[in-house]
């Protein structure tokens, strides 16, 4: 007999993640917990299973990066979420070109296609885990890669089948520096994006409804994702 049933474990993790993403200043310790919890939620799809039991859809809203040339970037950090009361803007770094450079038009095009405010699209839960979180020298790192990197390197959550990919991710991150910080941010970009992944998950409407089902909580007590988006459109 399990110590806790699956629904209880899901509720505990989602509630703890919800606390983290509403903190004024999330820490590296918060990112570490988030990475382990998110990895568990991603691995065996417990969210999808319990959603099917409740006959609920399970989709997540993520930044729409369809036209953003992130594969051409030296560094891309997705952003688009909140850490406490502060909106984390996406970060883009492209190879700069002078006014008379033959690459100037390309550089200007890259900048023009890199919005400070994301638009959003709804994706299935499985596609959420594989959506872009970072890019380093053109190498895309999806959300699954980032959370697994943090869980593996800081949390001891080793899986042998991941070792080759994790070593590759570590090499990419070392290129820019594992402790690289975004402007005005107190934690590394890797930790920030880990918490950002939790933010998108927690603030998605289908997760909102699932949490209500799991806890029997009155609807008004959990702030829906749409309200966060409205706030982000006017505040930075």
Foldseek 3Di string as FASTA:
>chain_A
DDPDDLLVLLLVLLVLLVVQQQDQAHDLVSLLSLLVSVLVCQPPVSVVVVCVVVVFAAKFKDFDLPQQVQLQFQKWAPFQGDRHPDGGWIDTHHDDDDPPDPCNVVVVVNVVSRDRHTDIDIDGPNVQQQCFGMAHNSRTDGNVLLSVLSCVVPVVPDDVVCVVVSVVVVVRCVVVNVQPPDPPHDGRSSSVSSSVSSRRNSQGPRNLVSSCVSPVDPSVVRDHNVVRSVVVVVHD
